[in-house]
Amino acid sequence: MHIGDLAATTGVSTQTLRFYEREGLIPAPNRQSNGYRVYDDGVASRIGFIRAAQTAGLTLSDIAGVLALREDGQAPCSHVHSLLTGKLDEVRARQRELVRLEKEIVGMLTTSSS
């Protein structure tokens, strides 16, 4: 699969694919004699995992760690669970901050309209 086809399949730009390749998130593709990249079909599912992990709030560094565990033949389940638990804690802390901020703003509005 050429880079344009992979981009269309995954909804990720060719620039992002090249970035993922430079960062080691996806394996370097084979090259044709004309220099065109040719990706294995499995790369699309790996990109799907990367995008889903980003949506869950994981950093590319976190994702690289998970992928490295997979490549070493280890099941990254406990590592992923730990990362996601940390993200959930961060989200809940941010929600508490926003509730406090909302109360502060409501109080300011109430005071200013008196």
N, C-alpha and C. Protein backbone atom coordinates (compact mmCIF):
# COMPACT_ATOMS: atom_id res chain seq x y z
N MET A 1 0.85 -1.16 0.00
CA MET A 1 0.00 0.00 0.00
C MET A 1 0.91 1.24 0.00
N HIS A 2 0.67 2.16 -0.92
CA HIS A 2 1.44 3.40 -0.98
C HIS A 2 0.97 4.38 0.09
N ILE A 3 1.78 5.38 0.36
CA ILE A 3 1.49 6.30 1.45
C ILE A 3 0.15 7.03 1.26
N GLY A 4 -0.18 7.40 0.02
CA GLY A 4 -1.46 8.07 -0.24
C GLY A 4 -2.64 7.16 0.05
N ASP A 5 -2.50 5.89 -0.29
CA ASP A 5 -3.56 4.92 -0.02
C ASP A 5 -3.71 4.71 1.49
N LEU A 6 -2.58 4.62 2.19
CA LEU A 6 -2.62 4.45 3.64
C LEU A 6 -3.25 5.67 4.31
N ALA A 7 -2.90 6.84 3.81
CA ALA A 7 -3.49 8.07 4.36
C ALA A 7 -5.00 8.08 4.16
N ALA A 8 -5.45 7.70 2.98
CA ALA A 8 -6.88 7.67 2.70
C ALA A 8 -7.60 6.62 3.54
N THR A 9 -6.97 5.48 3.72
CA THR A 9 -7.57 4.39 4.50
C THR A 9 -7.71 4.76 5.98
N THR A 10 -6.69 5.43 6.52
CA THR A 10 -6.66 5.70 7.96
C THR A 10 -7.18 7.08 8.34
N GLY A 11 -7.32 7.97 7.35
CA GLY A 11 -7.75 9.34 7.66
C GLY A 11 -6.65 10.17 8.28
N VAL A 12 -5.41 9.76 8.10
CA VAL A 12 -4.24 10.45 8.63
C VAL A 12 -3.46 11.02 7.45
N SER A 13 -2.96 12.23 7.59
CA SER A 13 -2.25 12.84 6.48
C SER A 13 -0.92 12.14 6.20
N THR A 14 -0.43 12.30 4.99
CA THR A 14 0.86 11.71 4.63
C THR A 14 1.97 12.31 5.49
N GLN A 15 1.84 13.56 5.83
CA GLN A 15 2.83 14.21 6.70
C GLN A 15 2.85 13.54 8.07
N THR A 16 1.69 13.23 8.60
CA THR A 16 1.60 12.56 9.90
C THR A 16 2.19 11.16 9.80
N LEU A 17 1.94 10.47 8.72
CA LEU A 17 2.52 9.13 8.53
C LEU A 17 4.04 9.20 8.51
N ARG A 18 4.57 10.17 7.82
CA ARG A 18 6.04 10.33 7.80
C ARG A 18 6.57 10.64 9.20
N PHE A 19 5.83 11.46 9.95
CA PHE A 19 6.22 11.78 11.32
C PHE A 19 6.22 10.52 12.18
N TYR A 20 5.15 9.72 12.10
CA TYR A 20 5.07 8.48 12.86
C TYR A 20 6.25 7.57 12.51
N GLU A 21 6.60 7.55 11.24
CA GLU A 21 7.73 6.72 10.81
C GLU A 21 9.03 7.23 11.43
N ARG A 22 9.26 8.55 11.38
CA ARG A 22 10.48 9.13 11.96
C ARG A 22 10.58 8.87 13.45
N GLU A 23 9.42 8.89 14.12
CA GLU A 23 9.38 8.70 15.58
C GLU A 23 9.41 7.22 15.98
N GLY A 24 9.37 6.34 14.99
CA GLY A 24 9.42 4.91 15.28
C GLY A 24 8.09 4.30 15.70
N LEU A 25 7.00 5.04 15.52
CA LEU A 25 5.68 4.53 15.90
C LEU A 25 5.17 3.51 14.88
N ILE A 26 5.56 3.67 13.65
CA ILE A 26 5.27 2.67 12.62
C ILE A 26 6.59 2.26 12.00
N PRO A 27 6.67 1.01 11.58
CA PRO A 27 7.93 0.54 10.99
C PRO A 27 8.23 1.23 9.66
N ALA A 28 9.50 1.40 9.39
CA ALA A 28 9.90 1.97 8.10
C ALA A 28 9.41 1.05 6.99
N PRO A 29 8.76 1.60 5.99
CA PRO A 29 8.23 0.76 4.91
C PRO A 29 9.33 0.35 3.95
N ASN A 30 9.02 -0.67 3.17
CA ASN A 30 9.91 -1.02 2.07
C ASN A 30 9.80 0.08 1.03
N ARG A 31 10.83 0.20 0.23
CA ARG A 31 10.81 1.22 -0.83
C ARG A 31 10.91 0.53 -2.19
N GLN A 32 10.13 1.04 -3.10
CA GLN A 32 10.22 0.56 -4.48
C GLN A 32 11.46 1.18 -5.12
N SER A 33 11.82 0.72 -6.28
CA SER A 33 13.00 1.24 -6.97
C SER A 33 12.89 2.73 -7.26
N ASN A 34 11.67 3.24 -7.36
CA ASN A 34 11.46 4.66 -7.61
C ASN A 34 11.42 5.48 -6.31
N GLY A 35 11.64 4.81 -5.16
CA GLY A 35 11.67 5.49 -3.87
C GLY A 35 10.33 5.57 -3.16
N TYR A 36 9.27 5.12 -3.81
CA TYR A 36 7.95 5.18 -3.18
C TYR A 36 7.89 4.23 -1.99
N ARG A 37 7.25 4.70 -0.94
CA ARG A 37 7.05 3.86 0.25
C ARG A 37 5.95 2.84 -0.04
N VAL A 38 6.17 1.61 0.43
CA VAL A 38 5.16 0.56 0.31
C VAL A 38 4.96 -0.03 1.71
N TYR A 39 3.80 0.23 2.28
CA TYR A 39 3.49 -0.19 3.64
C TYR A 39 2.79 -1.54 3.65
N ASP A 40 3.05 -2.32 4.70
CA ASP A 40 2.33 -3.58 4.91
C ASP A 40 0.90 -3.24 5.32
N ASP A 41 -0.01 -4.15 5.04
CA ASP A 41 -1.42 -3.92 5.37
C ASP A 41 -1.64 -3.75 6.88
N GLY A 42 -0.82 -4.38 7.71
CA GLY A 42 -0.97 -4.29 9.16
C GLY A 42 -0.72 -2.92 9.74
N VAL A 43 -0.07 -2.06 8.97
CA VAL A 43 0.24 -0.71 9.47
C VAL A 43 -1.04 0.09 9.70
N ALA A 44 -2.06 -0.15 8.90
CA ALA A 44 -3.32 0.59 9.06
C ALA A 44 -3.93 0.32 10.44
N SER A 45 -3.91 -0.91 10.90
CA SER A 45 -4.48 -1.20 12.22
C SER A 45 -3.61 -0.59 13.32
N ARG A 46 -2.31 -0.54 13.11
CA ARG A 46 -1.41 0.09 14.09
C ARG A 46 -1.71 1.59 14.18
N ILE A 47 -1.95 2.21 13.06
CA ILE A 47 -2.30 3.63 13.06
C ILE A 47 -3.64 3.83 13.75
N GLY A 48 -4.58 2.92 13.54
CA GLY A 48 -5.85 2.98 14.25
C GLY A 48 -5.65 2.93 15.76
N PHE A 49 -4.74 2.07 16.21
CA PHE A 49 -4.43 1.99 17.64
C PHE A 49 -3.83 3.30 18.12
N ILE A 50 -2.90 3.85 17.37
CA ILE A 50 -2.24 5.11 17.75
C ILE A 50 -3.27 6.22 17.89
N ARG A 51 -4.16 6.33 16.92
CA ARG A 51 -5.18 7.40 16.95
C ARG A 51 -6.15 7.20 18.12
N ALA A 52 -6.54 5.96 18.37
CA ALA A 52 -7.46 5.69 19.49
C ALA A 52 -6.78 6.01 20.82
N ALA A 53 -5.51 5.66 20.94
CA ALA A 53 -4.77 5.95 22.17
C ALA A 53 -4.62 7.45 22.37
N GLN A 54 -4.38 8.19 21.29
CA GLN A 54 -4.30 9.65 21.39
C GLN A 54 -5.64 10.24 21.82
N THR A 55 -6.71 9.71 21.28
CA THR A 55 -8.04 10.18 21.65
C THR A 55 -8.30 9.96 23.13
N ALA A 56 -7.74 8.88 23.68
CA ALA A 56 -7.89 8.58 25.11
C ALA A 56 -6.98 9.45 25.96
N GLY A 57 -6.15 10.26 25.31
CA GLY A 57 -5.30 11.19 26.05
C GLY A 57 -3.87 10.74 26.25
N LEU A 58 -3.51 9.60 25.68
CA LEU A 58 -2.13 9.14 25.82
C LEU A 58 -1.21 9.96 24.91
N THR A 59 -0.02 10.21 25.39
CA THR A 59 0.96 10.93 24.59
C THR A 59 1.63 9.97 23.61
N LEU A 60 2.30 10.53 22.63
CA LEU A 60 3.03 9.67 21.69
C LEU A 60 4.11 8.88 22.40
N SER A 61 4.68 9.46 23.44
CA SER A 61 5.69 8.75 24.24
C SER A 61 5.05 7.55 24.95
N ASP A 62 3.86 7.76 25.52
CA ASP A 62 3.12 6.66 26.16
C ASP A 62 2.86 5.55 25.14
N ILE A 63 2.40 5.96 23.97
CA ILE A 63 2.04 5.01 22.92
C ILE A 63 3.27 4.25 22.45
N ALA A 64 4.38 4.94 22.31
CA ALA A 64 5.63 4.28 21.90
C ALA A 64 6.02 3.21 22.92
N GLY A 65 5.80 3.50 24.21
CA GLY A 65 6.10 2.52 25.25
C GLY A 65 5.24 1.28 25.14
N VAL A 66 3.97 1.48 24.85
CA VAL A 66 3.05 0.36 24.68
C VAL A 66 3.47 -0.48 23.46
N LEU A 67 3.77 0.20 22.37
CA LEU A 67 4.17 -0.51 21.15
C LEU A 67 5.48 -1.26 21.36
N ALA A 68 6.40 -0.68 22.12
CA ALA A 68 7.67 -1.35 22.40
C ALA A 68 7.44 -2.63 23.19
N LEU A 69 6.53 -2.58 24.17
CA LEU A 69 6.21 -3.79 24.93
C LEU A 69 5.65 -4.87 24.02
N ARG A 70 4.75 -4.46 23.13
CA ARG A 70 4.16 -5.41 22.17
C ARG A 70 5.24 -6.05 21.31
N GLU A 71 6.14 -5.22 20.81
CA GLU A 71 7.20 -5.72 19.93
C GLU A 71 8.16 -6.65 20.66
N ASP A 72 8.30 -6.47 21.97
CA ASP A 72 9.14 -7.35 22.78
C ASP A 72 8.43 -8.64 23.15
N GLY A 73 7.20 -8.80 22.67
CA GLY A 73 6.45 -10.01 22.92
C GLY A 73 5.72 -10.01 24.26
N GLN A 74 5.68 -8.87 24.93
CA GLN A 74 4.98 -8.77 26.21
C GLN A 74 3.56 -8.27 25.98
N ALA A 75 2.68 -8.69 26.84
CA ALA A 75 1.30 -8.19 26.79
C ALA A 75 1.28 -6.86 27.55
N PRO A 76 0.97 -5.77 26.86
CA PRO A 76 1.03 -4.45 27.50
C PRO A 76 -0.20 -4.08 28.31
N CYS A 77 -1.07 -5.06 28.58
CA CYS A 77 -2.36 -4.76 29.21
C CYS A 77 -2.23 -4.01 30.53
N SER A 78 -1.37 -4.48 31.42
CA SER A 78 -1.25 -3.82 32.72
C SER A 78 -0.64 -2.43 32.57
N HIS A 79 0.27 -2.27 31.62
CA HIS A 79 0.87 -0.96 31.37
C HIS A 79 -0.19 0.01 30.83
N VAL A 80 -0.99 -0.44 29.89
CA VAL A 80 -2.06 0.38 29.33
C VAL A 80 -3.07 0.72 30.42
N HIS A 81 -3.41 -0.25 31.23
CA HIS A 81 -4.36 -0.01 32.34
C HIS A 81 -3.82 1.08 33.26
N SER A 82 -2.55 1.02 33.57
CA SER A 82 -1.93 2.03 34.44
C SER A 82 -1.95 3.41 33.79
N LEU A 83 -1.63 3.47 32.51
CA LEU A 83 -1.65 4.75 31.79
C LEU A 83 -3.05 5.34 31.76
N LEU A 84 -4.03 4.51 31.45
CA LEU A 84 -5.41 5.00 31.37
C LEU A 84 -5.95 5.39 32.74
N THR A 85 -5.56 4.68 33.77
CA THR A 85 -5.97 5.05 35.13
C THR A 85 -5.42 6.43 35.47
N GLY A 86 -4.17 6.66 35.11
CA GLY A 86 -3.57 7.97 35.33
C GLY A 86 -4.29 9.07 34.58
N LYS A 87 -4.67 8.79 33.34
CA LYS A 87 -5.41 9.78 32.54
C LYS A 87 -6.77 10.06 33.15
N LEU A 88 -7.43 9.01 33.62
CA LEU A 88 -8.74 9.18 34.24
C LEU A 88 -8.62 10.04 35.51
N ASP A 89 -7.58 9.82 36.29
CA ASP A 89 -7.34 10.65 37.47
C ASP A 89 -7.14 12.11 37.08
N GLU A 90 -6.39 12.34 36.00
CA GLU A 90 -6.16 13.71 35.52
C GLU A 90 -7.47 14.36 35.08
N VAL A 91 -8.30 13.62 34.36
CA VAL A 91 -9.58 14.15 33.89
C VAL A 91 -10.47 14.50 35.07
N ARG A 92 -10.52 13.63 36.06
CA ARG A 92 -11.37 13.90 37.23
C ARG A 92 -10.85 15.11 38.02
N ALA A 93 -9.54 15.25 38.11
CA ALA A 93 -8.98 16.42 38.80
C ALA A 93 -9.33 17.69 38.04
N ARG A 94 -9.25 17.64 36.73
CA ARG A 94 -9.60 18.80 35.91
C ARG A 94 -11.08 19.14 36.05
N GLN A 95 -11.93 18.11 36.12
CA GLN A 95 -13.36 18.35 36.31
C GLN A 95 -13.61 19.07 37.63
N ARG A 96 -12.91 18.65 38.69
CA ARG A 96 -13.06 19.32 39.98
C ARG A 96 -12.61 20.78 39.89
N GLU A 97 -11.52 21.01 39.18
CA GLU A 97 -11.04 22.39 38.98
C GLU A 97 -12.08 23.23 38.25
N LEU A 98 -12.69 22.66 37.24
CA LEU A 98 -13.68 23.39 36.46
C LEU A 98 -14.93 23.69 37.28
N VAL A 99 -15.33 22.77 38.15
CA VAL A 99 -16.48 23.02 39.02
C VAL A 99 -16.16 24.19 39.95
N ARG A 100 -14.94 24.21 40.52
CA ARG A 100 -14.54 25.33 41.38
C ARG A 100 -14.52 26.64 40.60
N LEU A 101 -14.00 26.60 39.39
CA LEU A 101 -13.95 27.79 38.54
C LEU A 101 -15.35 28.29 38.22
N GLU A 102 -16.25 27.37 37.91
CA GLU A 102 -17.62 27.74 37.62
C GLU A 102 -18.25 28.46 38.81
N LYS A 103 -18.05 27.93 40.00
CA LYS A 103 -18.61 28.55 41.21
C LYS A 103 -18.02 29.95 41.42
N GLU A 104 -16.74 30.07 41.16
CA GLU A 104 -16.08 31.37 41.31
C GLU A 104 -16.65 32.40 40.33
N ILE A 105 -16.83 31.98 39.09
CA ILE A 105 -17.37 32.89 38.08
C ILE A 105 -18.81 33.26 38.40
N VAL A 106 -19.61 32.30 38.80
CA VAL A 106 -21.00 32.58 39.17
C VAL A 106 -21.02 33.58 40.34
N GLY A 107 -20.15 33.37 41.31
CA GLY A 107 -20.07 34.31 42.43
C GLY A 107 -19.68 35.70 41.99
N MET A 108 -18.75 35.82 41.08
CA MET A 108 -18.32 37.11 40.55
C MET A 108 -19.45 37.79 39.79
N LEU A 109 -20.17 37.00 38.99
CA LEU A 109 -21.30 37.55 38.25
C LEU A 109 -22.40 38.03 39.19
N THR A 110 -22.65 37.26 40.21
CA THR A 110 -23.66 37.66 41.20
C THR A 110 -23.26 38.96 41.90
N THR A 111 -22.00 39.05 42.29
CA THR A 111 -21.49 40.25 42.97
C THR A 111 -21.52 41.47 42.05
N SER A 112 -21.14 41.25 40.79
CA SER A 112 -21.06 42.39 39.87
C SER A 112 -22.44 42.91 39.43
N SER A 113 -23.46 42.09 39.53
CA SER A 113 -24.78 42.54 39.10
C SER A 113 -25.58 43.14 40.26
N SER A 114 -24.99 43.14 41.44
CA SER A 114 -25.70 43.71 42.61
C SER A 114 -25.53 45.20 42.67
